[in-house]
Amino acid sequence: LQQMTQLKLQVEQLLQESQEKVTKLETELQQAHKDNTELREQYQQELNQLRVQLEQTAAQQLQTLRETMELELQAAVQRTKDDLQRQQQAALKQQSGQLQQEYATRLKKEQAAAQKLLDLERKKMRKLVKALADREKKDVAQQLRREQQQLRQQKQKQPKKKTP
């Protein structure tokens, strides 16, 4: 009986130890579960923080990229404007040169035509002056003939004086 009591005591002790171990294990399991939940929440928070940081970094990089692209676009637009201005200036200079050349050519033609007309008018004036001079000569010669004829007629009408 004593052995049985001892055995019973041992079994009860083993049972109590087992229960303590089970309780301890349950407590450890609950603690592990709690720790796991806390770790999961902590990881979730860290993950959310990382996600927020990543989004902020991505937004900053996107903004930087937009600003860079805007600057590059403005630079490209300015280069294009500068190129267009240079092309316009070159075209304007070329057109101006052509117009000046055309103007010079037309001016020379008009000057040549004016000179031709001037020479023609001079020639006409010379002919007119010569014709007027010839006419005046004829008029003067005719006037002289009339005057000489009148003088002759007056001499003939006057009695002749005898000379002693």
Protein backbone atom coordinates (compact mmCIF):
# COMPACT_ATOMS: atom_id res chain seq x y z
CA LEU A 1 0.00 0.00 0.00
CA GLN A 2 2.77 2.24 0.78
CA GLN A 3 4.11 1.71 -2.64
CA MET A 4 0.78 2.50 -4.05
CA THR A 5 0.54 5.62 -2.03
CA GLN A 6 3.95 6.52 -3.13
CA LEU A 7 3.07 5.73 -6.65
CA LYS A 8 -0.13 7.69 -6.29
CA LEU A 9 1.89 10.55 -4.89
CA GLN A 10 4.33 10.29 -7.69
CA VAL A 11 1.55 10.13 -10.23
CA GLU A 12 -0.18 13.09 -8.61
CA GLN A 13 3.12 14.90 -8.52
CA LEU A 14 3.74 14.01 -12.14
CA LEU A 15 0.20 15.06 -12.95
CA GLN A 16 0.66 18.31 -11.11
CA GLU A 17 4.02 18.83 -12.82
CA SER A 18 2.42 17.99 -16.10
CA GLN A 19 -0.39 20.41 -15.41
CA GLU A 20 2.12 23.05 -14.40
CA LYS A 21 4.08 22.32 -17.55
CA VAL A 22 0.86 22.50 -19.61
CA THR A 23 -0.10 25.72 -17.84
CA LYS A 24 3.40 27.03 -18.33
CA LEU A 25 3.36 25.95 -21.99
CA GLU A 26 -0.11 27.49 -22.45
CA THR A 27 1.17 30.68 -20.88
CA GLU A 28 4.26 30.59 -23.08
CA LEU A 29 2.04 29.84 -26.08
CA GLN A 30 -0.23 32.75 -25.20
CA GLN A 31 2.82 34.93 -24.64
CA ALA A 32 4.28 33.72 -27.96
CA HIS A 33 0.94 34.37 -29.63
CA LYS A 34 0.82 37.82 -28.01
CA ASP A 35 4.45 38.46 -28.97
CA ASN A 36 3.67 37.22 -32.48
CA THR A 37 0.68 39.56 -32.66
CA GLU A 38 2.78 42.45 -31.35
CA LEU A 39 5.56 41.61 -33.80
CA ARG A 40 3.02 41.38 -36.60
CA GLU A 41 1.59 44.77 -35.62
CA GLN A 42 5.11 46.18 -35.29
CA TYR A 43 6.06 44.76 -38.70
CA GLN A 44 2.80 46.08 -40.13
CA GLN A 45 3.59 49.53 -38.71
CA GLU A 46 7.14 49.36 -40.03
CA LEU A 47 5.81 48.17 -43.36
CA ASN A 48 3.31 51.06 -43.41
CA GLN A 49 6.08 53.49 -42.48
CA LEU A 50 8.29 52.07 -45.22
CA ARG A 51 5.37 52.29 -47.65
CA VAL A 52 4.77 55.93 -46.66
CA GLN A 53 8.50 56.67 -46.95
CA LEU A 54 8.61 54.91 -50.30
CA GLU A 55 5.58 56.87 -51.51
CA GLN A 56 7.14 60.11 -50.28
CA THR A 57 10.43 59.26 -51.93
CA ALA A 58 8.62 58.28 -55.12
CA ALA A 59 6.61 61.52 -55.01
CA GLN A 60 9.79 63.54 -54.47
CA GLN A 61 11.53 61.71 -57.29
CA LEU A 62 8.48 62.21 -59.50
CA GLN A 63 8.42 65.92 -58.65
CA THR A 64 12.16 66.18 -59.31
CA LEU A 65 11.67 64.32 -62.59
CA ARG A 66 8.80 66.63 -63.53
CA GLU A 67 10.89 69.69 -62.71
CA THR A 68 13.82 68.28 -64.67
CA MET A 69 11.59 67.45 -67.61
CA GLU A 70 10.01 70.92 -67.43
CA LEU A 71 13.46 72.53 -67.44
CA GLU A 72 14.59 70.33 -70.32
CA LEU A 73 11.37 71.12 -72.19
CA GLN A 74 11.85 74.85 -71.61
CA ALA A 75 15.46 74.56 -72.76
CA ALA A 76 14.37 72.65 -75.87
CA VAL A 77 11.65 75.23 -76.58
CA GLN A 78 14.19 78.05 -76.13
CA ARG A 79 16.67 76.29 -78.45
CA THR A 80 13.90 75.83 -81.00
CA LYS A 81 12.90 79.49 -80.68
CA ASP A 82 16.53 80.56 -81.04
CA ASP A 83 16.93 78.32 -84.10
CA LEU A 84 13.74 79.73 -85.62
CA GLN A 85 14.88 83.30 -84.92
CA ARG A 86 18.25 82.59 -86.56
CA GLN A 87 16.47 81.03 -89.53
CA GLN A 88 14.08 83.98 -89.75
CA GLN A 89 16.95 86.44 -89.53
CA ALA A 90 18.87 84.55 -92.21
CA ALA A 91 15.78 84.40 -94.42
CA LEU A 92 15.07 88.08 -93.75
CA LYS A 93 18.67 88.98 -94.54
CA GLN A 94 18.55 86.92 -97.72
CA GLN A 95 15.22 88.42 -98.74
CA SER A 96 16.49 91.89 -97.90
CA GLY A 97 19.55 91.25 -100.05
CA GLN A 98 17.36 90.04 -102.90
CA LEU A 99 15.08 93.06 -102.57
CA GLN A 100 18.06 95.40 -102.51
CA GLN A 101 19.46 93.69 -105.57
CA GLU A 102 16.10 93.90 -107.34
CA TYR A 103 15.79 97.55 -106.30
CA ALA A 104 19.30 98.29 -107.58
CA THR A 105 18.51 96.56 -110.87
CA ARG A 106 15.21 98.43 -111.25
CA LEU A 107 16.91 101.68 -110.27
CA LYS A 108 19.59 101.13 -112.91
CA LYS A 109 16.93 100.34 -115.51
CA GLU A 110 14.93 103.42 -114.54
CA GLN A 111 18.08 105.55 -114.54
CA ALA A 112 19.01 104.19 -117.97
CA ALA A 113 15.48 104.89 -119.23
CA ALA A 114 15.56 108.37 -117.68
CA GLN A 115 18.98 109.03 -119.21
CA LYS A 116 17.68 107.85 -122.57
CA LEU A 117 14.66 110.14 -122.26
CA LEU A 118 16.94 112.99 -121.14
CA ASP A 119 19.24 112.44 -124.12
CA LEU A 120 16.21 112.35 -126.41
CA GLU A 121 14.88 115.59 -124.89
CA ARG A 122 18.31 117.21 -125.22
CA LYS A 123 18.43 116.14 -128.85
CA LYS A 124 14.95 117.59 -129.41
CA MET A 125 15.96 120.81 -127.63
CA ARG A 126 19.09 121.09 -129.78
CA LYS A 127 16.99 120.61 -132.90
CA LEU A 128 14.49 123.15 -131.61
CA VAL A 129 17.28 125.62 -130.73
CA LYS A 130 18.86 125.06 -134.15
CA ALA A 131 15.50 125.49 -135.86
CA LEU A 132 14.85 128.67 -133.85
CA ALA A 133 18.35 129.94 -134.66
CA ASP A 134 17.86 129.16 -138.35
CA ARG A 135 14.50 130.86 -138.30
CA GLU A 136 15.95 133.87 -136.53
CA LYS A 137 18.74 133.97 -139.09
CA LYS A 138 16.19 133.86 -141.86
CA ASP A 139 14.11 136.54 -140.12
CA VAL A 140 17.18 138.71 -139.53
CA ALA A 141 18.37 138.14 -143.11
CA GLN A 142 14.92 138.92 -144.43
CA GLN A 143 14.74 142.00 -142.19
CA LEU A 144 18.16 143.09 -143.48
CA ARG A 145 17.03 142.59 -147.08
CA ARG A 146 13.90 144.62 -146.49
CA GLU A 147 15.88 147.34 -144.83
CA GLN A 148 18.39 147.33 -147.68
CA GLN A 149 15.59 147.38 -150.18
CA GLN A 150 13.93 150.25 -148.37
CA LEU A 151 17.26 152.08 -148.31
CA ARG A 152 17.63 151.52 -152.02
CA GLN A 153 14.16 152.71 -152.65
CA GLN A 154 14.75 155.79 -150.55
CA LYS A 155 17.96 156.46 -152.42
CA GLN A 156 16.18 156.13 -155.69
CA LYS A 157 13.43 158.44 -154.61
CA GLN A 158 15.81 161.11 -153.50
CA PRO A 159 17.00 163.38 -156.22
CA LYS A 160 20.53 162.97 -157.10
CA LYS A 161 22.74 165.70 -156.10
CA LYS A 162 25.32 166.81 -158.46
CA THR A 163 28.73 167.02 -157.29
CA PRO A 164 30.78 170.12 -158.44
